[in-house]
Amino acid sequence: MRPLPEGHTPVAAPKVGVLIVNLGTPDAPTPGAVKRYLREFLSDRRVVEIPPIAWQPILRGIILNVRPRKSAHAYAQVWSEEGSPLAAITARQAEDLQARFGDRAIVDHAMRYGKPAIGDRIAALQAAGCDRILIAPLYPQYCAATTATANDAAFAVLAKMRWQPAIRTLPPYFDHPAYIEALAASVRTGLAALHGEPDAILASFHGMPARTLDLGDPYHCHCRKTARLLGDALGRELHVSFQSRFGRARWLEPSTEATLDRLAGDGVRRLAVIAPGFSADCLETLEELAIRGRDRFLAAGGESFAYLPCLNDGAPGMAMLETLIGDELAGWIDRS
C-alpha cells in the first residue's frame, strides 16, 4: 500500500459497520428524565401524525405535565442496577454480535430517542473507518412509527455529511424462518419451565392507531402473520391482542386489556403471555404485561399468569440476528 502524501488527512482502512437500533428509554426513572424522553418521542411526526400546530399545545400544556410522574413510577418498577432493561439488553446484543462477526464488521447500537443517539453512533462508525454501514432497526414487523422513523433519523444524518458511507437497511423479518424458529424455541423453553401447561397463549403486540392500517401501514398484517406462523410452529393457535393504547383515537383491536378479561371470563385459568413484536424486554413488557397484565387477569378470575421473556440476548435470538444481519451484509463481508 502506497504511503499518503505529506500533510494528507489521515484515512482509516475501509471497514463495514452495523448499527442496531431500538426505540429508546429515559436516562433515569425520574419525572425529569421521562419528560425529556417523552418530549422527543411524542414530537416525532411519524409517531403522532396530528399537525404540530394542534398537537404541540396538548403535548406541552397537558401531557408533559401529567404523564412523566406516572411513567417514572412505572419505570422505577423495572429499573435494575444496569439501568433501563431495554438499554442494557440492546448493549449486550451489540456485544454478542460483535463477538460473532469478529473483525469482519464493527457492531454498535443506538436508540431512536434518547442515548446513544443514532447520529452520534453513525459518526463514530465513520470515524472508525466504516465506509459501508448497515442500519438494523430491531423491529420484526414494519411500522412507520418504528422502522421508518429509525431509518429517517439515519438518513437525516447522512443529509448533513459531505462524505457519506454507503448505507443498507435491515428489512422487516416478521415471517423470516430464522425469526419464527427462534421465537418457537424461546417459547418452548419458557413453557417447559412452567408448572403445568397453560390453557392458552396470548401474543401481545404493541398497538397502533387503527387509521395507520387504513393509510397503508402493513404492521397489523405483519403481526397477524407472525402469530399464525408461530402458532403453526408450536402446534397450537395463539390469541392475538394489541397493547399500550394512548389517547382517545380508535386503535387496533382487540386490546390486550380486554382480551385478558375475555379469556378469564371464557374459563381460561392458566395463561402464558408472549410479546413477539419486541426484540428486547422493556417497560411495555415488564411493567405493562408482566405486572399490570398479571394483576388484571387474576382479578378477572384467572388463576395462573406467566409472562415469557422476549428473545433478548438469548442464544436463539442472537443466532437469528446473526443470520439476518449476515444476509444483509452479503457482498460486504466474507460469510465463510
C-alpha atoms as a PDB file:
ATOM      1  CA  MET A   1       0.000   0.000   0.000  1.00  0.00           C
ATOM      2  CA  ARG A   2       1.466   3.338  -1.083  1.00  0.00           C
ATOM      3  CA  PRO A   3       2.020   5.911   1.702  1.00  0.00           C
ATOM      4  CA  LEU A   4      -0.201   9.013   1.832  1.00  0.00           C
ATOM      5  CA  PRO A   5       1.294  12.306   0.607  1.00  0.00           C
ATOM      6  CA  GLU A   6       2.750  14.534   3.311  1.00  0.00           C
ATOM      7  CA  GLY A   7       0.033  16.577   5.027  1.00  0.00           C
ATOM      8  CA  HIS A   8      -2.781  14.342   3.758  1.00  0.00           C
ATOM      9  CA  THR A   9      -5.750  13.907   6.120  1.00  0.00           C
ATOM     10  CA  PRO A  10      -5.442  10.518   7.869  1.00  0.00           C
ATOM     11  CA  VAL A  11      -7.705   7.885   6.300  1.00  0.00           C
ATOM     12  CA  ALA A  12      -8.673   4.741   8.193  1.00  0.00           C
ATOM     13  CA  ALA A  13      -8.690   1.403   6.390  1.00  0.00           C
ATOM     14  CA  PRO A  14     -12.192   0.735   4.959  1.00  0.00           C
ATOM     15  CA  LYS A  15     -14.422  -1.251   7.285  1.00  0.00           C
ATOM     16  CA  VAL A  16     -18.036  -2.418   7.452  1.00  0.00           C
ATOM     17  CA  GLY A  17     -20.282  -1.146  10.242  1.00  0.00           C
ATOM     18  CA  VAL A  18     -23.511  -2.484  11.735  1.00  0.00           C
ATOM     19  CA  LEU A  19     -25.746  -0.235  13.818  1.00  0.00           C
ATOM     20  CA  ILE A  20     -28.581  -1.999  15.609  1.00  0.00           C
ATOM     21  CA  VAL A  21     -31.344   0.405  16.639  1.00  0.00           C
ATOM     22  CA  ASN A  22     -34.102   0.161  19.198  1.00  0.00           C
ATOM     23  CA  LEU A  23     -36.776   2.583  20.371  1.00  0.00           C
ATOM     24  CA  GLY A  24     -35.148   4.276  23.331  1.00  0.00           C
ATOM     25  CA  THR A  25     -35.508   4.911  27.025  1.00  0.00           C
ATOM     26  CA  PRO A  26     -35.197   7.701  29.583  1.00  0.00           C
ATOM     27  CA  ASP A  27     -31.791   8.142  31.229  1.00  0.00           C
ATOM     28  CA  ALA A  28     -33.313   7.572  34.664  1.00  0.00           C
ATOM     29  CA  PRO A  29     -36.660   6.579  36.233  1.00  0.00           C
ATOM     30  CA  THR A  30     -37.378  10.164  37.250  1.00  0.00           C
ATOM     31  CA  PRO A  31     -40.093  12.590  36.117  1.00  0.00           C
ATOM     32  CA  GLY A  32     -37.493  14.960  34.651  1.00  0.00           C
ATOM     33  CA  ALA A  33     -35.747  12.291  32.591  1.00  0.00           C
ATOM     34  CA  VAL A  34     -39.052  10.807  31.448  1.00  0.00           C
ATOM     35  CA  LYS A  35     -40.290  14.255  30.433  1.00  0.00           C
ATOM     36  CA  ARG A  36     -37.233  14.826  28.221  1.00  0.00           C
ATOM     37  CA  TYR A  37     -37.696  11.412  26.648  1.00  0.00           C
ATOM     38  CA  LEU A  38     -41.428  11.828  26.023  1.00  0.00           C
ATOM     39  CA  ARG A  39     -40.918  15.301  24.552  1.00  0.00           C
ATOM     40  CA  GLU A  40     -38.638  13.843  21.880  1.00  0.00           C
ATOM     41  CA  PHE A  41     -40.675  10.690  21.345  1.00  0.00           C
ATOM     42  CA  LEU A  42     -44.100  12.322  21.125  1.00  0.00           C
ATOM     43  CA  SER A  43     -42.824  15.169  18.927  1.00  0.00           C
ATOM     44  CA  ASP A  44     -41.922  12.711  16.157  1.00  0.00           C
ATOM     45  CA  ARG A  45     -44.340  13.219  13.262  1.00  0.00           C
ATOM     46  CA  ARG A  46     -44.096   9.506  12.482  1.00  0.00           C
ATOM     47  CA  VAL A  47     -45.388   8.681  15.967  1.00  0.00           C
ATOM     48  CA  VAL A  48     -48.102  11.309  16.311  1.00  0.00           C
ATOM     49  CA  GLU A  49     -49.482  12.312  12.928  1.00  0.00           C
ATOM     50  CA  ILE A  50     -51.560  15.214  14.201  1.00  0.00           C
ATOM     51  CA  PRO A  51     -50.414  18.591  12.762  1.00  0.00           C
ATOM     52  CA  PRO A  52     -47.936  20.176  15.229  1.00  0.00           C
ATOM     53  CA  ILE A  53     -49.974  23.379  15.469  1.00  0.00           C
ATOM     54  CA  ALA A  54     -52.754  21.307  17.071  1.00  0.00           C
ATOM     55  CA  TRP A  55     -50.665  18.688  18.837  1.00  0.00           C
ATOM     56  CA  GLN A  56     -47.829  20.637  20.460  1.00  0.00           C
ATOM     57  CA  PRO A  57     -50.079  22.723  22.780  1.00  0.00           C
ATOM     58  CA  ILE A  58     -51.675  19.477  24.019  1.00  0.00           C
ATOM     59  CA  LEU A  59     -48.295  17.793  24.413  1.00  0.00           C
ATOM     60  CA  ARG A  60     -46.582  20.674  26.213  1.00  0.00           C
ATOM     61  CA  GLY A  61     -49.575  22.002  28.092  1.00  0.00           C
ATOM     62  CA  ILE A  62     -51.114  18.765  29.356  1.00  0.00           C
ATOM     63  CA  ILE A  63     -49.297  15.509  28.601  1.00  0.00           C
ATOM     64  CA  LEU A  64     -45.774  16.552  29.603  1.00  0.00           C
ATOM     65  CA  ASN A  65     -47.109  17.984  32.844  1.00  0.00           C
ATOM     66  CA  VAL A  66     -49.111  14.882  33.800  1.00  0.00           C
ATOM     67  CA  ARG A  67     -47.681  11.714  32.247  1.00  0.00           C
ATOM     68  CA  PRO A  68     -43.962  11.869  33.303  1.00  0.00           C
ATOM     69  CA  ARG A  69     -44.632  11.279  37.002  1.00  0.00           C
ATOM     70  CA  LYS A  70     -46.864   8.266  36.307  1.00  0.00           C
ATOM     71  CA  SER A  71     -44.430   6.838  33.763  1.00  0.00           C
ATOM     72  CA  ALA A  72     -41.464   7.405  36.088  1.00  0.00           C
ATOM     73  CA  HIS A  73     -43.202   5.262  38.713  1.00  0.00           C
ATOM     74  CA  ALA A  74     -43.659   2.510  36.124  1.00  0.00           C
ATOM     75  CA  TYR A  75     -40.001   2.707  35.016  1.00  0.00           C
ATOM     76  CA  ALA A  76     -38.852   2.520  38.649  1.00  0.00           C
ATOM     77  CA  GLN A  77     -40.528  -0.888  38.966  1.00  0.00           C
ATOM     78  CA  VAL A  78     -38.399  -2.417  36.193  1.00  0.00           C
ATOM     79  CA  TRP A  79     -35.149  -0.423  36.562  1.00  0.00           C
ATOM     80  CA  SER A  80     -32.136  -2.514  37.553  1.00  0.00           C
ATOM     81  CA  GLU A  81     -28.522  -1.978  38.593  1.00  0.00           C
ATOM     82  CA  GLU A  82     -27.716  -1.952  34.862  1.00  0.00           C
ATOM     83  CA  GLY A  83     -30.280   0.801  34.344  1.00  0.00           C
ATOM     84  CA  SER A  84     -33.057   0.556  31.790  1.00  0.00           C
ATOM     85  CA  PRO A  85     -33.688  -3.078  30.768  1.00  0.00           C
ATOM     86  CA  LEU A  86     -34.026  -2.072  27.121  1.00  0.00           C
ATOM     87  CA  ALA A  87     -30.733  -0.167  27.132  1.00  0.00           C
ATOM     88  CA  ALA A  88     -28.854  -2.940  28.932  1.00  0.00           C
ATOM     89  CA  ILE A  89     -30.194  -5.734  26.724  1.00  0.00           C
ATOM     90  CA  THR A  90     -29.569  -3.829  23.475  1.00  0.00           C
ATOM     91  CA  ALA A  91     -25.978  -3.144  24.550  1.00  0.00           C
ATOM     92  CA  ARG A  92     -25.481  -6.857  25.246  1.00  0.00           C
ATOM     93  CA  GLN A  93     -26.988  -7.744  21.865  1.00  0.00           C
ATOM     94  CA  ALA A  94     -24.421  -5.498  20.176  1.00  0.00           C
ATOM     95  CA  GLU A  95     -21.587  -7.047  22.187  1.00  0.00           C
ATOM     96  CA  ASP A  96     -22.705 -10.564  21.273  1.00  0.00           C
ATOM     97  CA  LEU A  97     -22.983  -9.679  17.589  1.00  0.00           C
ATOM     98  CA  GLN A  98     -19.524  -8.111  17.678  1.00  0.00           C
ATOM     99  CA  ALA A  99     -18.135 -11.374  19.010  1.00  0.00           C
ATOM    100  CA  ARG A 100     -19.946 -13.307  16.285  1.00  0.00           C
ATOM    101  CA  PHE A 101     -18.743 -11.113  13.404  1.00  0.00           C
ATOM    102  CA  GLY A 102     -15.265 -10.525  14.793  1.00  0.00           C
ATOM    103  CA  ASP A 103     -13.046  -8.379  12.584  1.00  0.00           C
ATOM    104  CA  ARG A 104     -15.434  -8.644   9.636  1.00  0.00           C
ATOM    105  CA  ALA A 105     -17.579  -5.774  10.938  1.00  0.00           C
ATOM    106  CA  ILE A 106     -17.786  -3.173  13.683  1.00  0.00           C
ATOM    107  CA  VAL A 107     -21.071  -3.535  15.585  1.00  0.00           C
ATOM    108  CA  ASP A 108     -22.590  -0.680  17.574  1.00  0.00           C
ATOM    109  CA  HIS A 109     -26.020   0.187  18.949  1.00  0.00           C
ATOM    110  CA  ALA A 110     -28.210   3.283  19.164  1.00  0.00           C
ATOM    111  CA  MET A 111     -31.638   4.427  20.257  1.00  0.00           C
ATOM    112  CA  ARG A 112     -34.101   6.362  18.142  1.00  0.00           C
ATOM    113  CA  TYR A 113     -34.964   8.527  21.145  1.00  0.00           C
ATOM    114  CA  GLY A 114     -32.525   9.313  23.919  1.00  0.00           C
ATOM    115  CA  LYS A 115     -28.972   7.983  24.096  1.00  0.00           C
ATOM    116  CA  PRO A 116     -26.870   6.696  22.463  1.00  0.00           C
ATOM    117  CA  ALA A 117     -28.188   8.760  19.558  1.00  0.00           C
ATOM    118  CA  ILE A 118     -28.216   7.415  16.014  1.00  0.00           C
ATOM    119  CA  GLY A 119     -26.274  10.401  14.683  1.00  0.00           C
ATOM    120  CA  ASP A 120     -23.527  10.051  17.270  1.00  0.00           C
ATOM    121  CA  ARG A 121     -23.040   6.354  16.577  1.00  0.00           C
ATOM    122  CA  ILE A 122     -23.013   6.759  12.791  1.00  0.00           C
ATOM    123  CA  ALA A 123     -20.340   9.430  13.237  1.00  0.00           C
ATOM    124  CA  ALA A 124     -18.369   7.057  15.477  1.00  0.00           C
ATOM    125  CA  LEU A 125     -18.590   4.241  12.926  1.00  0.00           C
ATOM    126  CA  GLN A 126     -17.464   6.548  10.152  1.00  0.00           C
ATOM    127  CA  ALA A 127     -14.579   7.804  12.288  1.00  0.00           C
ATOM    128  CA  ALA A 128     -13.552   4.165  12.803  1.00  0.00           C
ATOM    129  CA  GLY A 129     -13.255   3.790   9.026  1.00  0.00           C
ATOM    130  CA  CYS A 130     -16.667   2.345   8.135  1.00  0.00           C
ATOM    131  CA  ASP A 131     -17.452   3.339   4.561  1.00  0.00           C
ATOM    132  CA  ARG A 132     -20.366   0.865   4.453  1.00  0.00           C
ATOM    133  CA  ILE A 133     -22.949   0.739   7.246  1.00  0.00           C
ATOM    134  CA  LEU A 134     -25.997  -1.472   7.789  1.00  0.00           C
ATOM    135  CA  ILE A 135     -28.740   0.269   9.778  1.00  0.00           C
ATOM    136  CA  ALA A 136     -30.636  -2.506  11.564  1.00  0.00           C
ATOM    137  CA  PRO A 137     -33.859  -1.423  13.306  1.00  0.00           C
ATOM    138  CA  LEU A 138     -34.785  -4.320  15.598  1.00  0.00           C
ATOM    139  CA  TYR A 139     -38.492  -4.277  14.766  1.00  0.00           C
ATOM    140  CA  PRO A 140     -39.669  -7.590  13.276  1.00  0.00           C
ATOM    141  CA  GLN A 141     -42.943  -6.098  11.986  1.00  0.00           C
ATOM    142  CA  TYR A 142     -42.676  -2.981   9.817  1.00  0.00           C
ATOM    143  CA  CYS A 143     -44.372   0.156  11.070  1.00  0.00           C
ATOM    144  CA  ALA A 144     -43.854   3.749  10.004  1.00  0.00           C
ATOM    145  CA  ALA A 145     -43.720   4.767  13.679  1.00  0.00           C
ATOM    146  CA  THR A 146     -40.831   2.379  14.396  1.00  0.00           C
ATOM    147  CA  THR A 147     -38.855   1.079  11.402  1.00  0.00           C
ATOM    148  CA  ALA A 148     -39.367   4.109   9.191  1.00  0.00           C
ATOM    149  CA  THR A 149     -38.545   6.717  11.804  1.00  0.00           C
ATOM    150  CA  ALA A 150     -35.322   4.885  12.736  1.00  0.00           C
ATOM    151  CA  ASN A 151     -34.297   4.983   9.088  1.00  0.00           C
ATOM    152  CA  ASP A 152     -35.428   8.617   8.830  1.00  0.00           C
ATOM    153  CA  ALA A 153     -33.049   9.551  11.636  1.00  0.00           C
ATOM    154  CA  ALA A 154     -30.157   7.798   9.914  1.00  0.00           C
ATOM    155  CA  PHE A 155     -30.915   9.422   6.556  1.00  0.00           C
ATOM    156  CA  ALA A 156     -31.159  12.841   8.212  1.00  0.00           C
ATOM    157  CA  VAL A 157     -27.609  12.361   9.486  1.00  0.00           C
ATOM    158  CA  LEU A 158     -26.397  11.411   6.022  1.00  0.00           C
ATOM    159  CA  ALA A 159     -28.024  14.516   4.561  1.00  0.00           C
ATOM    160  CA  LYS A 160     -25.549  16.624   6.545  1.00  0.00           C
ATOM    161  CA  MET A 161     -22.445  14.629   5.575  1.00  0.00           C
ATOM    162  CA  ARG A 162     -20.075  15.666   2.834  1.00  0.00           C
ATOM    163  CA  TRP A 163     -18.557  12.189   2.564  1.00  0.00           C
ATOM    164  CA  GLN A 164     -21.347   9.681   3.076  1.00  0.00           C
ATOM    165  CA  PRO A 165     -20.872   5.985   3.783  1.00  0.00           C
ATOM    166  CA  ALA A 166     -22.839   3.511   1.678  1.00  0.00           C
ATOM    167  CA  ILE A 167     -25.997   2.527   3.560  1.00  0.00           C
ATOM    168  CA  ARG A 168     -28.161  -0.568   3.720  1.00  0.00           C
ATOM    169  CA  THR A 169     -31.159  -1.103   5.990  1.00  0.00           C
ATOM    170  CA  LEU A 170     -32.442  -4.274   7.601  1.00  0.00           C
ATOM    171  CA  PRO A 171     -35.906  -5.128   6.217  1.00  0.00           C
ATOM    172  CA  PRO A 172     -38.734  -6.339   8.474  1.00  0.00           C
ATOM    173  CA  TYR A 173     -38.370 -10.001   9.363  1.00  0.00           C
ATOM    174  CA  PHE A 174     -41.854 -10.832  10.667  1.00  0.00           C
ATOM    175  CA  ASP A 175     -42.075 -14.049   8.624  1.00  0.00           C
ATOM    176  CA  HIS A 176     -38.402 -14.964   8.262  1.00  0.00           C
ATOM    177  CA  PRO A 177     -37.908 -18.669   9.072  1.00  0.00           C
ATOM    178  CA  ALA A 178     -34.985 -17.857  11.397  1.00  0.00           C
ATOM    179  CA  TYR A 179     -37.165 -15.451  13.397  1.00  0.00           C
ATOM    180  CA  ILE A 180     -40.080 -17.878  13.684  1.00  0.00           C
ATOM    181  CA  GLU A 181     -37.722 -20.690  14.669  1.00  0.00           C
ATOM    182  CA  ALA A 182     -36.070 -18.503  17.329  1.00  0.00           C
ATOM    183  CA  LEU A 183     -39.445 -17.481  18.751  1.00  0.00           C
ATOM    184  CA  ALA A 184     -40.661 -21.068  18.815  1.00  0.00           C
ATOM    185  CA  ALA A 185     -37.501 -22.268  20.566  1.00  0.00           C
ATOM    186  CA  SER A 186     -37.736 -19.480  23.135  1.00  0.00           C
ATOM    187  CA  VAL A 187     -41.424 -20.122  23.828  1.00  0.00           C
ATOM    188  CA  ARG A 188     -40.882 -23.867  24.174  1.00  0.00           C
ATOM    189  CA  THR A 189     -38.133 -23.211  26.721  1.00  0.00           C
ATOM    190  CA  GLY A 190     -40.375 -20.844  28.637  1.00  0.00           C
ATOM    191  CA  LEU A 191     -43.309 -23.257  28.644  1.00  0.00           C
ATOM    192  CA  ALA A 192     -41.112 -26.135  29.794  1.00  0.00           C
ATOM    193  CA  ALA A 193     -40.145 -24.130  32.890  1.00  0.00           C
ATOM    194  CA  LEU A 194     -43.776 -23.638  33.959  1.00  0.00           C
ATOM    195  CA  HIS A 195     -45.574 -25.815  36.455  1.00  0.00           C
ATOM    196  CA  GLY A 196     -48.209 -27.184  34.126  1.00  0.00           C
ATOM    197  CA  GLU A 197     -49.326 -26.468  30.566  1.00  0.00           C
ATOM    198  CA  PRO A 198     -51.190 -23.169  30.056  1.00  0.00           C
ATOM    199  CA  ASP A 199     -54.772 -23.270  28.839  1.00  0.00           C
ATOM    200  CA  ALA A 200     -53.961 -20.537  26.300  1.00  0.00           C
ATOM    201  CA  ILE A 201     -51.095 -18.456  24.929  1.00  0.00           C
ATOM    202  CA  LEU A 202     -51.614 -14.761  24.211  1.00  0.00           C
ATOM    203  CA  ALA A 203     -49.339 -12.914  21.779  1.00  0.00           C
ATOM    204  CA  SER A 204     -49.478  -9.223  22.672  1.00  0.00           C
ATOM    205  CA  PHE A 205     -48.117  -6.760  20.125  1.00  0.00           C
ATOM    206  CA  HIS A 206     -47.623  -3.036  20.573  1.00  0.00           C
ATOM    207  CA  GLY A 207     -50.745  -1.172  19.472  1.00  0.00           C
ATOM    208  CA  MET A 208     -51.073   1.430  16.749  1.00  0.00           C
ATOM    209  CA  PRO A 209     -53.933   3.770  15.828  1.00  0.00           C
ATOM    210  CA  ALA A 210     -56.402   1.962  13.562  1.00  0.00           C
ATOM    211  CA  ARG A 211     -56.067   4.675  10.932  1.00  0.00           C
ATOM    212  CA  THR A 212     -52.492   3.552  10.232  1.00  0.00           C
ATOM    213  CA  LEU A 213     -53.920   0.374   8.703  1.00  0.00           C
ATOM    214  CA  ASP A 214     -56.295   2.435   6.543  1.00  0.00           C
ATOM    215  CA  LEU A 215     -53.362   4.578   5.420  1.00  0.00           C
ATOM    216  CA  GLY A 216     -51.442   1.545   4.172  1.00  0.00           C
ATOM    217  CA  ASP A 217     -49.190   0.635   7.086  1.00  0.00           C
ATOM    218  CA  PRO A 218     -48.618  -3.173   6.932  1.00  0.00           C
ATOM    219  CA  TYR A 219     -47.989  -3.520  10.668  1.00  0.00           C
ATOM    220  CA  HIS A 220     -51.311  -5.185  11.557  1.00  0.00           C
ATOM    221  CA  CYS A 221     -50.907  -7.760   8.785  1.00  0.00           C
ATOM    222  CA  HIS A 222     -47.293  -8.450   9.788  1.00  0.00           C
ATOM    223  CA  CYS A 223     -48.309  -9.060  13.412  1.00  0.00           C
ATOM    224  CA  ARG A 224     -51.096 -11.411  12.400  1.00  0.00           C
ATOM    225  CA  LYS A 225     -48.788 -13.398  10.116  1.00  0.00           C
ATOM    226  CA  THR A 226     -46.117 -13.693  12.804  1.00  0.00           C
ATOM    227  CA  ALA A 227     -48.710 -15.069  15.226  1.00  0.00           C
ATOM    228  CA  ARG A 228     -50.063 -17.510  12.641  1.00  0.00           C
ATOM    229  CA  LEU A 229     -46.621 -18.836  11.699  1.00  0.00           C
ATOM    230  CA  LEU A 230     -45.537 -19.092  15.323  1.00  0.00           C
ATOM    231  CA  GLY A 231     -48.750 -20.917  16.185  1.00  0.00           C
ATOM    232  CA  ASP A 232     -48.077 -23.358  13.357  1.00  0.00           C
ATOM    233  CA  ALA A 233     -44.540 -23.927  14.645  1.00  0.00           C
ATOM    234  CA  LEU A 234     -45.809 -24.547  18.174  1.00  0.00           C
ATOM    235  CA  GLY A 235     -48.698 -26.689  17.015  1.00  0.00           C
ATOM    236  CA  ARG A 236     -51.362 -24.580  18.717  1.00  0.00           C
ATOM    237  CA  GLU A 237     -53.410 -21.495  17.948  1.00  0.00           C
ATOM    238  CA  LEU A 238     -52.356 -18.222  19.571  1.00  0.00           C
ATOM    239  CA  HIS A 239     -54.660 -15.468  20.762  1.00  0.00           C
ATOM    240  CA  VAL A 240     -53.584 -12.041  19.455  1.00  0.00           C
ATOM    241  CA  SER A 241     -54.005  -8.606  21.027  1.00  0.00           C
ATOM    242  CA  PHE A 242     -52.568  -5.087  20.891  1.00  0.00           C
ATOM    243  CA  GLN A 243     -51.364  -3.167  23.930  1.00  0.00           C
ATOM    244  CA  SER A 244     -50.159   0.303  25.004  1.00  0.00           C
ATOM    245  CA  ARG A 245     -53.108   2.392  23.856  1.00  0.00           C
ATOM    246  CA  PHE A 246     -52.711   6.147  24.113  1.00  0.00           C
ATOM    247  CA  GLY A 247     -55.276   8.893  23.627  1.00  0.00           C
ATOM    248  CA  ARG A 248     -58.891   8.699  22.525  1.00  0.00           C
ATOM    249  CA  ALA A 249     -58.445   7.596  18.911  1.00  0.00           C
ATOM    250  CA  ARG A 250     -59.545   4.116  17.809  1.00  0.00           C
ATOM    251  CA  TRP A 251     -56.634   1.644  17.984  1.00  0.00           C
ATOM    252  CA  LEU A 252     -56.022  -1.782  16.528  1.00  0.00           C
ATOM    253  CA  GLU A 253     -58.277  -4.419  18.062  1.00  0.00           C
ATOM    254  CA  PRO A 254     -58.598  -6.378  20.208  1.00  0.00           C
ATOM    255  CA  SER A 255     -56.884  -4.599  23.077  1.00  0.00           C
ATOM    256  CA  THR A 256     -54.708  -6.637  25.429  1.00  0.00           C
ATOM    257  CA  GLU A 257     -56.654  -5.454  28.485  1.00  0.00           C
ATOM    258  CA  ALA A 258     -60.000  -6.504  27.008  1.00  0.00           C
ATOM    259  CA  THR A 259     -58.526  -9.809  25.849  1.00  0.00           C
ATOM    260  CA  LEU A 260     -57.242 -10.629  29.334  1.00  0.00           C
ATOM    261  CA  ASP A 261     -60.736 -10.018  30.708  1.00  0.00           C
ATOM    262  CA  ARG A 262     -62.363 -12.083  27.954  1.00  0.00           C
ATOM    263  CA  LEU A 263     -60.026 -15.064  28.327  1.00  0.00           C
ATOM    264  CA  ALA A 264     -60.598 -15.203  32.074  1.00  0.00           C
ATOM    265  CA  GLY A 265     -64.345 -14.895  31.507  1.00  0.00           C
ATOM    266  CA  ASP A 266     -64.234 -17.724  28.962  1.00  0.00           C
ATOM    267  CA  GLY A 267     -62.765 -20.080  31.524  1.00  0.00           C
ATOM    268  CA  VAL A 268     -59.045 -19.786  30.815  1.00  0.00           C
ATOM    269  CA  ARG A 269     -57.382 -20.310  34.179  1.00  0.00           C
ATOM    270  CA  ARG A 270     -53.740 -20.708  33.191  1.00  0.00           C
ATOM    271  CA  LEU A 271     -52.387 -18.157  30.735  1.00  0.00           C
ATOM    272  CA  ALA A 272     -48.966 -17.624  29.162  1.00  0.00           C
ATOM    273  CA  VAL A 273     -48.256 -14.262  27.523  1.00  0.00           C
ATOM    274  CA  ILE A 274     -45.568 -13.502  24.940  1.00  0.00           C
ATOM    275  CA  ALA A 275     -44.549 -10.289  23.174  1.00  0.00           C
ATOM    276  CA  PRO A 276     -43.176 -11.327  19.755  1.00  0.00           C
ATOM    277  CA  GLY A 277     -43.002  -7.758  18.414  1.00  0.00           C
ATOM    278  CA  PHE A 278     -40.380  -6.674  20.955  1.00  0.00           C
ATOM    279  CA  SER A 279     -36.753  -7.656  20.373  1.00  0.00           C
ATOM    280  CA  ALA A 280     -35.870  -6.855  23.988  1.00  0.00           C
ATOM    281  CA  ASP A 281     -37.803  -6.630  27.212  1.00  0.00           C
ATOM    282  CA  CYS A 282     -38.736  -3.099  28.201  1.00  0.00           C
ATOM    283  CA  LEU A 283     -41.310  -1.062  30.104  1.00  0.00           C
ATOM    284  CA  GLU A 284     -44.149  -2.303  27.885  1.00  0.00           C
ATOM    285  CA  THR A 285     -43.356  -5.959  28.546  1.00  0.00           C
ATOM    286  CA  LEU A 286     -42.012  -5.972  32.103  1.00  0.00           C
ATOM    287  CA  GLU A 287     -44.398  -3.466  33.665  1.00  0.00           C
ATOM    288  CA  GLU A 288     -47.423  -3.323  31.382  1.00  0.00           C
ATOM    289  CA  LEU A 289     -47.675  -7.070  30.722  1.00  0.00           C
ATOM    290  CA  ALA A 290     -45.803  -8.903  33.469  1.00  0.00           C
ATOM    291  CA  ILE A 291     -47.089  -6.698  36.310  1.00  0.00           C
ATOM    292  CA  ARG A 292     -50.297  -4.921  35.318  1.00  0.00           C
ATOM    293  CA  GLY A 293     -51.373  -7.625  32.899  1.00  0.00           C
ATOM    294  CA  ARG A 294     -50.952 -10.275  35.570  1.00  0.00           C
ATOM    295  CA  ASP A 295     -52.973  -8.265  38.081  1.00  0.00           C
ATOM    296  CA  ARG A 296     -55.771  -7.732  35.571  1.00  0.00           C
ATOM    297  CA  PHE A 297     -56.014 -11.389  34.535  1.00  0.00           C
ATOM    298  CA  LEU A 298     -56.036 -12.658  38.117  1.00  0.00           C
ATOM    299  CA  ALA A 299     -58.608 -10.041  39.156  1.00  0.00           C
ATOM    300  CA  ALA A 300     -60.832 -11.203  36.263  1.00  0.00           C
ATOM    301  CA  GLY A 301     -60.827 -14.784  37.541  1.00  0.00           C
ATOM    302  CA  GLY A 302     -57.632 -16.298  36.179  1.00  0.00           C
ATOM    303  CA  GLU A 303     -55.531 -18.475  38.456  1.00  0.00           C
ATOM    304  CA  SER A 304     -52.066 -18.588  36.862  1.00  0.00           C
ATOM    305  CA  PHE A 305     -50.305 -15.989  34.690  1.00  0.00           C
ATOM    306  CA  ALA A 306     -46.854 -16.415  33.161  1.00  0.00           C
ATOM    307  CA  TYR A 307     -45.044 -13.806  31.091  1.00  0.00           C
ATOM    308  CA  LEU A 308     -42.414 -15.428  28.852  1.00  0.00           C
ATOM    309  CA  PRO A 309     -39.408 -13.146  28.119  1.00  0.00           C
ATOM    310  CA  CYS A 310     -38.553 -11.691  24.721  1.00  0.00           C
ATOM    311  CA  LEU A 311     -35.709 -13.119  22.666  1.00  0.00           C
ATOM    312  CA  ASN A 312     -33.373 -10.579  24.283  1.00  0.00           C
ATOM    313  CA  ASP A 313     -29.715 -11.677  24.115  1.00  0.00           C
ATOM    314  CA  GLY A 314     -30.506 -15.380  24.500  1.00  0.00           C
ATOM    315  CA  ALA A 315     -28.935 -17.927  22.168  1.00  0.00           C
ATOM    316  CA  PRO A 316     -31.935 -18.400  19.807  1.00  0.00           C
ATOM    317  CA  GLY A 317     -32.395 -14.656  19.296  1.00  0.00           C
ATOM    318  CA  MET A 318     -28.725 -13.919  18.807  1.00  0.00           C
ATOM    319  CA  ALA A 319     -28.312 -16.738  16.287  1.00  0.00           C
ATOM    320  CA  MET A 320     -31.320 -15.316  14.443  1.00  0.00           C
ATOM    321  CA  LEU A 321     -29.853 -11.793  14.375  1.00  0.00           C
ATOM    322  CA  GLU A 322     -26.524 -13.160  13.168  1.00  0.00           C
ATOM    323  CA  THR A 323     -28.316 -14.869  10.287  1.00  0.00           C
ATOM    324  CA  LEU A 324     -30.447 -11.863   9.317  1.00  0.00           C
ATOM    325  CA  ILE A 325     -27.642  -9.335   9.567  1.00  0.00           C
ATOM    326  CA  GLY A 326     -25.198 -11.664   7.835  1.00  0.00           C
ATOM    327  CA  ASP A 327     -27.622 -11.995   4.918  1.00  0.00           C
ATOM    328  CA  GLU A 328     -27.864  -8.210   4.571  1.00  0.00           C
ATOM    329  CA  LEU A 329     -24.065  -7.879   4.614  1.00  0.00           C
ATOM    330  CA  ALA A 330     -23.713 -10.223   1.631  1.00  0.00           C
ATOM    331  CA  GLY A 331     -21.079  -8.863  -0.720  1.00  0.00           C
ATOM    332  CA  TRP A 332     -19.670  -6.640   2.025  1.00  0.00           C
ATOM    333  CA  ILE A 333     -18.154  -9.333   4.259  1.00  0.00           C
ATOM    334  CA  ASP A 334     -16.865 -12.865   3.896  1.00  0.00           C
ATOM    335  CA  ARG A 335     -19.621 -15.224   5.136  1.00  0.00           C
ATOM    336  CA  SER A 336     -17.361 -18.274   5.277  1.00  0.00           C
END
